[in-house]
Amino acid sequence: MERALRAYGGVLRLIRLLPKQTRSYYQQYARENFVNYREVSGSDSIDELFQRTYNHACWVLKKYQVDEAAAKNLKEICFNT
């Protein structure tokens, strides 16, 4: 659970780097996804969700031309257990 909260916080910090008019959409999107998947169990499923979290965050950063290096902290959270 702690890892998930750290990932959620990391995603919210990345959202602050996006254009102002898109932030509320992605904040709501992130919250909905974290709430929807909070009951997932099994290490394979959880690891897959962390991988999807990181990949989607990088995709959004790239979409808005934000340097993907900003997601370094999120990558550490998602891939280092």
PDB file of N, CA and C in Angstrom:
ATOM      1  N   MET A   1       0.825  -1.199   0.000  1.00  0.00           N
ATOM      2  CA  MET A   1       0.000   0.000   0.000  1.00  0.00           C
ATOM      3  C   MET A   1       0.863   1.253   0.000  1.00  0.00           C
ATOM      4  N   GLU A   2       1.964   1.211   0.766  1.00  0.00           N
ATOM      5  CA  GLU A   2       2.845   2.378   0.825  1.00  0.00           C
ATOM      6  C   GLU A   2       3.432   2.690  -0.553  1.00  0.00           C
ATOM      7  N   ARG A   3       3.803   1.651  -1.267  1.00  0.00           N
ATOM      8  CA  ARG A   3       4.362   1.842  -2.615  1.00  0.00           C
ATOM      9  C   ARG A   3       3.328   2.481  -3.544  1.00  0.00           C
ATOM     10  N   ALA A   4       2.087   2.051  -3.428  1.00  0.00           N
ATOM     11  CA  ALA A   4       1.022   2.613  -4.263  1.00  0.00           C
ATOM     12  C   ALA A   4       0.806   4.089  -3.944  1.00  0.00           C
ATOM     13  N   LEU A   5       0.845   4.440  -2.675  1.00  0.00           N
ATOM     14  CA  LEU A   5       0.671   5.843  -2.288  1.00  0.00           C
ATOM     15  C   LEU A   5       1.838   6.695  -2.790  1.00  0.00           C
ATOM     16  N   ARG A   6       3.037   6.139  -2.725  1.00  0.00           N
ATOM     17  CA  ARG A   6       4.198   6.864  -3.246  1.00  0.00           C
ATOM     18  C   ARG A   6       4.085   7.059  -4.765  1.00  0.00           C
ATOM     19  N   ALA A   7       3.602   6.024  -5.460  1.00  0.00           N
ATOM     20  CA  ALA A   7       3.417   6.140  -6.909  1.00  0.00           C
ATOM     21  C   ALA A   7       2.355   7.184  -7.234  1.00  0.00           C
ATOM     22  N   TYR A   8       1.264   7.181  -6.482  1.00  0.00           N
ATOM     23  CA  TYR A   8       0.198   8.160  -6.692  1.00  0.00           C
ATOM     24  C   TYR A   8       0.733   9.576  -6.487  1.00  0.00           C
ATOM     25  N   GLY A   9       1.501   9.773  -5.428  1.00  0.00           N
ATOM     26  CA  GLY A   9       2.106  11.082  -5.183  1.00  0.00           C
ATOM     27  C   GLY A   9       3.054  11.474  -6.307  1.00  0.00           C
ATOM     28  N   GLY A  10       3.806  10.505  -6.815  1.00  0.00           N
ATOM     29  CA  GLY A  10       4.708  10.773  -7.930  1.00  0.00           C
ATOM     30  C   GLY A  10       3.962  11.185  -9.183  1.00  0.00           C
ATOM     31  N   VAL A  11       2.850  10.518  -9.434  1.00  0.00           N
ATOM     32  CA  VAL A  11       2.026  10.871 -10.602  1.00  0.00           C
ATOM     33  C   VAL A  11       1.478  12.286 -10.441  1.00  0.00           C
ATOM     34  N   LEU A  12       0.994  12.620  -9.252  1.00  0.00           N
ATOM     35  CA  LEU A  12       0.457  13.965  -9.023  1.00  0.00           C
ATOM     36  C   LEU A  12       1.537  15.038  -9.198  1.00  0.00           C
ATOM     37  N   ARG A  13       2.768  14.735  -8.775  1.00  0.00           N
ATOM     38  CA  ARG A  13       3.862  15.698  -8.979  1.00  0.00           C
ATOM     39  C   ARG A  13       4.152  15.883 -10.468  1.00  0.00           C
ATOM     40  N   LEU A  14       4.061  14.813 -11.243  1.00  0.00           N
ATOM     41  CA  LEU A  14       4.288  14.922 -12.686  1.00  0.00           C
ATOM     42  C   LEU A  14       3.174  15.716 -13.361  1.00  0.00           C
ATOM     43  N   ILE A  15       1.960  15.569 -12.855  1.00  0.00           N
ATOM     44  CA  ILE A  15       0.832  16.294 -13.426  1.00  0.00           C
ATOM     45  C   ILE A  15       1.049  17.802 -13.310  1.00  0.00           C
ATOM     46  N   ARG A  16       1.729  18.231 -12.268  1.00  0.00           N
ATOM     47  CA  ARG A  16       2.012  19.666 -12.108  1.00  0.00           C
ATOM     48  C   ARG A  16       2.891  20.219 -13.219  1.00  0.00           C
ATOM     49  N   LEU A  17       3.579  19.344 -13.931  1.00  0.00           N
ATOM     50  CA  LEU A  17       4.439  19.784 -15.032  1.00  0.00           C
ATOM     51  C   LEU A  17       3.669  19.962 -16.344  1.00  0.00           C
ATOM     52  N   LEU A  18       2.437  19.494 -16.369  1.00  0.00           N
ATOM     53  CA  LEU A  18       1.612  19.573 -17.582  1.00  0.00           C
ATOM     54  C   LEU A  18       1.014  20.968 -17.723  1.00  0.00           C
ATOM     55  N   PRO A  19       0.549  21.283 -18.933  1.00  0.00           N
ATOM     56  CA  PRO A  19      -0.130  22.578 -19.112  1.00  0.00           C
ATOM     57  C   PRO A  19      -1.310  22.707 -18.146  1.00  0.00           C
ATOM     58  N   LYS A  20      -1.513  23.911 -17.658  1.00  0.00           N
ATOM     59  CA  LYS A  20      -2.516  24.164 -16.614  1.00  0.00           C
ATOM     60  C   LYS A  20      -3.912  23.665 -16.997  1.00  0.00           C
ATOM     61  N   GLN A  21      -4.300  23.841 -18.236  1.00  0.00           N
ATOM     62  CA  GLN A  21      -5.655  23.468 -18.654  1.00  0.00           C
ATOM     63  C   GLN A  21      -5.872  21.952 -18.688  1.00  0.00           C
ATOM     64  N   THR A  22      -4.812  21.154 -18.616  1.00  0.00           N
ATOM     65  CA  THR A  22      -4.965  19.697 -18.658  1.00  0.00           C
ATOM     66  C   THR A  22      -4.845  19.044 -17.284  1.00  0.00           C
ATOM     67  N   ARG A  23      -4.384  19.775 -16.306  1.00  0.00           N
ATOM     68  CA  ARG A  23      -4.076  19.193 -14.999  1.00  0.00           C
ATOM     69  C   ARG A  23      -5.278  18.568 -14.313  1.00  0.00           C
ATOM     70  N   SER A  24      -6.405  19.262 -14.290  1.00  0.00           N
ATOM     71  CA  SER A  24      -7.564  18.732 -13.561  1.00  0.00           C
ATOM     72  C   SER A  24      -8.040  17.418 -14.173  1.00  0.00           C
ATOM     73  N   TYR A  25      -7.990  17.300 -15.496  1.00  0.00           N
ATOM     74  CA  TYR A  25      -8.387  16.055 -16.152  1.00  0.00           C
ATOM     75  C   TYR A  25      -7.495  14.906 -15.698  1.00  0.00           C
ATOM     76  N   TYR A  26      -6.181  15.106 -15.750  1.00  0.00           N
ATOM     77  CA  TYR A  26      -5.257  14.035 -15.399  1.00  0.00           C
ATOM     78  C   TYR A  26      -5.244  13.747 -13.900  1.00  0.00           C
ATOM     79  N   GLN A  27      -5.517  14.751 -13.068  1.00  0.00           N
ATOM     80  CA  GLN A  27      -5.634  14.499 -11.631  1.00  0.00           C
ATOM     81  C   GLN A  27      -6.822  13.583 -11.358  1.00  0.00           C
ATOM     82  N   GLN A  28      -7.932  13.875 -11.991  1.00  0.00           N
ATOM     83  CA  GLN A  28      -9.123  13.052 -11.806  1.00  0.00           C
ATOM     84  C   GLN A  28      -8.905  11.658 -12.389  1.00  0.00           C
ATOM     85  N   TYR A  29      -8.280  11.583 -13.550  1.00  0.00           N
ATOM     86  CA  TYR A  29      -7.998  10.303 -14.199  1.00  0.00           C
ATOM     87  C   TYR A  29      -7.113   9.436 -13.290  1.00  0.00           C
ATOM     88  N   ALA A  30      -6.063  10.028 -12.740  1.00  0.00           N
ATOM     89  CA  ALA A  30      -5.150   9.284 -11.870  1.00  0.00           C
ATOM     90  C   ALA A  30      -5.883   8.800 -10.620  1.00  0.00           C
ATOM     91  N   ARG A  31      -6.658   9.674 -10.005  1.00  0.00           N
ATOM     92  CA  ARG A  31      -7.377   9.297  -8.790  1.00  0.00           C
ATOM     93  C   ARG A  31      -8.333   8.146  -9.055  1.00  0.00           C
ATOM     94  N   GLU A  32      -9.099   8.240 -10.134  1.00  0.00           N
ATOM     95  CA  GLU A  32     -10.049   7.184 -10.470  1.00  0.00           C
ATOM     96  C   GLU A  32      -9.342   5.843 -10.664  1.00  0.00           C
ATOM     97  N   ASN A  33      -8.206   5.873 -11.346  1.00  0.00           N
ATOM     98  CA  ASN A  33      -7.488   4.624 -11.581  1.00  0.00           C
ATOM     99  C   ASN A  33      -6.920   4.040 -10.296  1.00  0.00           C
ATOM    100  N   PHE A  34      -6.346   4.874  -9.451  1.00  0.00           N
ATOM    101  CA  PHE A  34      -5.811   4.352  -8.205  1.00  0.00           C
ATOM    102  C   PHE A  34      -6.929   3.820  -7.310  1.00  0.00           C
ATOM    103  N   VAL A  35      -8.075   4.476  -7.292  1.00  0.00           N
ATOM    104  CA  VAL A  35      -9.212   3.993  -6.489  1.00  0.00           C
ATOM    105  C   VAL A  35      -9.755   2.693  -7.072  1.00  0.00           C
ATOM    106  N   ASN A  36      -9.896   2.620  -8.379  1.00  0.00           N
ATOM    107  CA  ASN A  36     -10.450   1.426  -9.014  1.00  0.00           C
ATOM    108  C   ASN A  36      -9.594   0.184  -8.800  1.00  0.00           C
ATOM    109  N   TYR A  37      -8.291   0.360  -8.709  1.00  0.00           N
ATOM    110  CA  TYR A  37      -7.393  -0.785  -8.608  1.00  0.00           C
ATOM    111  C   TYR A  37      -6.855  -1.009  -7.197  1.00  0.00           C
ATOM    112  N   ARG A  38      -7.413  -0.380  -6.195  1.00  0.00           N
ATOM    113  CA  ARG A  38      -6.866  -0.503  -4.846  1.00  0.00           C
ATOM    114  C   ARG A  38      -7.064  -1.888  -4.249  1.00  0.00           C
ATOM    115  N   GLU A  39      -7.992  -2.660  -4.760  1.00  0.00           N
ATOM    116  CA  GLU A  39      -8.267  -3.988  -4.216  1.00  0.00           C
ATOM    117  C   GLU A  39      -7.507  -5.101  -4.935  1.00  0.00           C
ATOM    118  N   VAL A  40      -6.654  -4.760  -5.884  1.00  0.00           N
ATOM    119  CA  VAL A  40      -5.908  -5.769  -6.632  1.00  0.00           C
ATOM    120  C   VAL A  40      -4.922  -6.458  -5.702  1.00  0.00           C
ATOM    121  N   SER A  41      -4.846  -7.781  -5.853  1.00  0.00           N
ATOM    122  CA  SER A  41      -3.875  -8.532  -5.052  1.00  0.00           C
ATOM    123  C   SER A  41      -3.073  -9.435  -5.987  1.00  0.00           C
ATOM    124  N   GLY A  42      -2.003  -9.960  -5.481  1.00  0.00           N
ATOM    125  CA  GLY A  42      -1.129 -10.790  -6.303  1.00  0.00           C
ATOM    126  C   GLY A  42       0.015  -9.962  -6.844  1.00  0.00           C
ATOM    127  N   SER A  43       1.221 -10.408  -6.591  1.00  0.00           N
ATOM    128  CA  SER A  43       2.383  -9.586  -6.947  1.00  0.00           C
ATOM    129  C   SER A  43       2.501  -9.361  -8.448  1.00  0.00           C
ATOM    130  N   ASP A  44       2.115 -10.344  -9.269  1.00  0.00           N
ATOM    131  CA  ASP A  44       2.198 -10.159 -10.724  1.00  0.00           C
ATOM    132  C   ASP A  44       1.253  -9.058 -11.190  1.00  0.00           C
ATOM    133  N   SER A  45       0.032  -9.062 -10.679  1.00  0.00           N
ATOM    134  CA  SER A  45      -0.949  -8.040 -11.054  1.00  0.00           C
ATOM    135  C   SER A  45      -0.512  -6.660 -10.595  1.00  0.00           C
ATOM    136  N   ILE A  46       0.011  -6.592  -9.386  1.00  0.00           N
ATOM    137  CA  ILE A  46       0.442  -5.306  -8.840  1.00  0.00           C
ATOM    138  C   ILE A  46       1.644  -4.770  -9.617  1.00  0.00           C
ATOM    139  N   ASP A  47       2.599  -5.650  -9.909  1.00  0.00           N
ATOM    140  CA  ASP A  47       3.762  -5.217 -10.696  1.00  0.00           C
ATOM    141  C   ASP A  47       3.354  -4.738 -12.076  1.00  0.00           C
ATOM    142  N   GLU A  48       2.377  -5.410 -12.684  1.00  0.00           N
ATOM    143  CA  GLU A  48       1.875  -4.993 -13.997  1.00  0.00           C
ATOM    144  C   GLU A  48       1.226  -3.609 -13.912  1.00  0.00           C
ATOM    145  N   LEU A  49       0.481  -3.349 -12.846  1.00  0.00           N
ATOM    146  CA  LEU A  49      -0.149  -2.037 -12.670  1.00  0.00           C
ATOM    147  C   LEU A  49       0.895  -0.936 -12.497  1.00  0.00           C
ATOM    148  N   PHE A  50       1.965  -1.219 -11.754  1.00  0.00           N
ATOM    149  CA  PHE A  50       3.030  -0.230 -11.597  1.00  0.00           C
ATOM    150  C   PHE A  50       3.725   0.034 -12.932  1.00  0.00           C
ATOM    151  N   GLN A  51       3.917  -1.013 -13.712  1.00  0.00           N
ATOM    152  CA  GLN A  51       4.529  -0.836 -15.032  1.00  0.00           C
ATOM    153  C   GLN A  51       3.623   0.008 -15.925  1.00  0.00           C
ATOM    154  N   ARG A  52       2.336  -0.264 -15.900  1.00  0.00           N
ATOM    155  CA  ARG A  52       1.383   0.527 -16.688  1.00  0.00           C
ATOM    156  C   ARG A  52       1.347   1.973 -16.209  1.00  0.00           C
ATOM    157  N   THR A  53       1.447   2.173 -14.894  1.00  0.00           N
ATOM    158  CA  THR A  53       1.465   3.530 -14.336  1.00  0.00           C
ATOM    159  C   THR A  53       2.625   4.322 -14.907  1.00  0.00           C
ATOM    160  N   TYR A  54       3.801   3.726 -14.859  1.00  0.00           N
ATOM    161  CA  TYR A  54       4.992   4.413 -15.357  1.00  0.00           C
ATOM    162  C   TYR A  54       4.900   4.661 -16.867  1.00  0.00           C
ATOM    163  N   ASN A  55       4.512   3.637 -17.616  1.00  0.00           N
ATOM    164  CA  ASN A  55       4.432   3.772 -19.076  1.00  0.00           C
ATOM    165  C   ASN A  55       3.419   4.833 -19.488  1.00  0.00           C
ATOM    166  N   HIS A  56       2.279   4.851 -18.829  1.00  0.00           N
ATOM    167  CA  HIS A  56       1.262   5.844 -19.176  1.00  0.00           C
ATOM    168  C   HIS A  56       1.722   7.253 -18.802  1.00  0.00           C
ATOM    169  N   ALA A  57       2.382   7.381 -17.665  1.00  0.00           N
ATOM    170  CA  ALA A  57       2.899   8.692 -17.259  1.00  0.00           C
ATOM    171  C   ALA A  57       3.902   9.205 -18.296  1.00  0.00           C
ATOM    172  N   CYS A  58       4.775   8.327 -18.764  1.00  0.00           N
ATOM    173  CA  CYS A  58       5.752   8.733 -19.786  1.00  0.00           C
ATOM    174  C   CYS A  58       5.058   9.123 -21.086  1.00  0.00           C
ATOM    175  N   TRP A  59       4.009   8.387 -21.448  1.00  0.00           N
ATOM    176  CA  TRP A  59       3.272   8.704 -22.662  1.00  0.00           C
ATOM    177  C   TRP A  59       2.643  10.096 -22.563  1.00  0.00           C
ATOM    178  N   VAL A  60       2.053  10.401 -21.425  1.00  0.00           N
ATOM    179  CA  VAL A  60       1.417  11.712 -21.238  1.00  0.00           C
ATOM    180  C   VAL A  60       2.475  12.820 -21.256  1.00  0.00           C
ATOM    181  N   LEU A  61       3.602  12.589 -20.599  1.00  0.00           N
ATOM    182  CA  LEU A  61       4.668  13.595 -20.613  1.00  0.00           C
ATOM    183  C   LEU A  61       5.146  13.857 -22.031  1.00  0.00           C
ATOM    184  N   LYS A  62       5.311  12.787 -22.781  1.00  0.00           N
ATOM    185  CA  LYS A  62       5.759  12.934 -24.172  1.00  0.00           C
ATOM    186  C   LYS A  62       4.715  13.686 -24.999  1.00  0.00           C
ATOM    187  N   LYS A  63       3.453  13.379 -24.761  1.00  0.00           N
ATOM    188  CA  LYS A  63       2.349  14.025 -25.487  1.00  0.00           C
ATOM    189  C   LYS A  63       2.399  15.542 -25.323  1.00  0.00           C
ATOM    190  N   TYR A  64       2.749  15.986 -24.124  1.00  0.00           N
ATOM    191  CA  TYR A  64       2.799  17.428 -23.855  1.00  0.00           C
ATOM    192  C   TYR A  64       4.224  17.977 -23.883  1.00  0.00           C
ATOM    193  N   GLN A  65       5.130  17.211 -24.469  1.00  0.00           N
ATOM    194  CA  GLN A  65       6.514  17.617 -24.693  1.00  0.00           C
ATOM    195  C   GLN A  65       7.230  18.004 -23.400  1.00  0.00           C
ATOM    196  N   VAL A  66       6.972  17.230 -22.344  1.00  0.00           N
ATOM    197  CA  VAL A  66       7.683  17.389 -21.083  1.00  0.00           C
ATOM    198  C   VAL A  66       8.767  16.313 -21.058  1.00  0.00           C
ATOM    199  N   ASP A  67       9.952  16.678 -20.642  1.00  0.00           N
ATOM    200  CA  ASP A  67      11.078  15.747 -20.622  1.00  0.00           C
ATOM    201  C   ASP A  67      10.745  14.532 -19.750  1.00  0.00           C
ATOM    202  N   GLU A  68      10.880  13.349 -20.335  1.00  0.00           N
ATOM    203  CA  GLU A  68      10.566  12.118 -19.611  1.00  0.00           C
ATOM    204  C   GLU A  68      11.507  11.886 -18.434  1.00  0.00           C
ATOM    205  N   ALA A  69      12.621  12.572 -18.395  1.00  0.00           N
ATOM    206  CA  ALA A  69      13.548  12.435 -17.272  1.00  0.00           C
ATOM    207  C   ALA A  69      12.879  12.869 -15.969  1.00  0.00           C
ATOM    208  N   ALA A  70      11.833  13.664 -16.077  1.00  0.00           N
ATOM    209  CA  ALA A  70      11.087  14.107 -14.893  1.00  0.00           C
ATOM    210  C   ALA A  70      10.449  12.914 -14.182  1.00  0.00           C
ATOM    211  N   ALA A  71      10.260  11.809 -14.891  1.00  0.00           N
ATOM    212  CA  ALA A  71       9.614  10.632 -14.320  1.00  0.00           C
ATOM    213  C   ALA A  71      10.615   9.674 -13.673  1.00  0.00           C
ATOM    214  N   LYS A  72      11.850  10.104 -13.491  1.00  0.00           N
ATOM    215  CA  LYS A  72      12.880   9.231 -12.907  1.00  0.00           C
ATOM    216  C   LYS A  72      12.465   8.727 -11.521  1.00  0.00           C
ATOM    217  N   ASN A  73      11.938   9.607 -10.690  1.00  0.00           N
ATOM    218  CA  ASN A  73      11.515   9.214  -9.348  1.00  0.00           C
ATOM    219  C   ASN A  73      10.377   8.199  -9.410  1.00  0.00           C
ATOM    220  N   LEU A  74       9.426   8.409 -10.312  1.00  0.00           N
ATOM    221  CA  LEU A  74       8.313   7.464 -10.468  1.00  0.00           C
ATOM    222  C   LEU A  74       8.833   6.107 -10.932  1.00  0.00           C
ATOM    223  N   LYS A  75       9.815   6.117 -11.808  1.00  0.00           N
ATOM    224  CA  LYS A  75      10.391   4.864 -12.291  1.00  0.00           C
ATOM    225  C   LYS A  75      11.012   4.085 -11.131  1.00  0.00           C
ATOM    226  N   GLU A  76      11.713   4.783 -10.253  1.00  0.00           N
ATOM    227  CA  GLU A  76      12.321   4.126  -9.090  1.00  0.00           C
ATOM    228  C   GLU A  76      11.249   3.514  -8.189  1.00  0.00           C
ATOM    229  N   ILE A  77      10.150   4.225  -8.011  1.00  0.00           N
ATOM    230  CA  ILE A  77       9.058   3.709  -7.175  1.00  0.00           C
ATOM    231  C   ILE A  77       8.415   2.484  -7.817  1.00  0.00           C
ATOM    232  N   CYS A  78       8.167   2.562  -9.106  1.00  0.00           N
ATOM    233  CA  CYS A  78       7.432   1.504  -9.797  1.00  0.00           C
ATOM    234  C   CYS A  78       8.252   0.241 -10.031  1.00  0.00           C
ATOM    235  N   PHE A  79       9.558   0.374 -10.200  1.00  0.00           N
ATOM    236  CA  PHE A  79      10.352  -0.793 -10.577  1.00  0.00           C
ATOM    237  C   PHE A  79      11.306  -1.279  -9.504  1.00  0.00           C
ATOM    238  N   ASN A  80      11.508  -0.532  -8.445  1.00  0.00           N
ATOM    239  CA  ASN A  80      12.371  -0.987  -7.347  1.00  0.00           C
ATOM    240  C   ASN A  80      11.498  -1.279  -6.139  1.00  0.00           C
ATOM    241  N   THR A  81      11.358  -2.537  -5.854  1.00  0.00           N
ATOM    242  CA  THR A  81      10.487  -2.915  -4.738  1.00  0.00           C
ATOM    243  C   THR A  81      11.178  -2.863  -3.410  1.00  0.00           C
TER     244      THR A  81
END
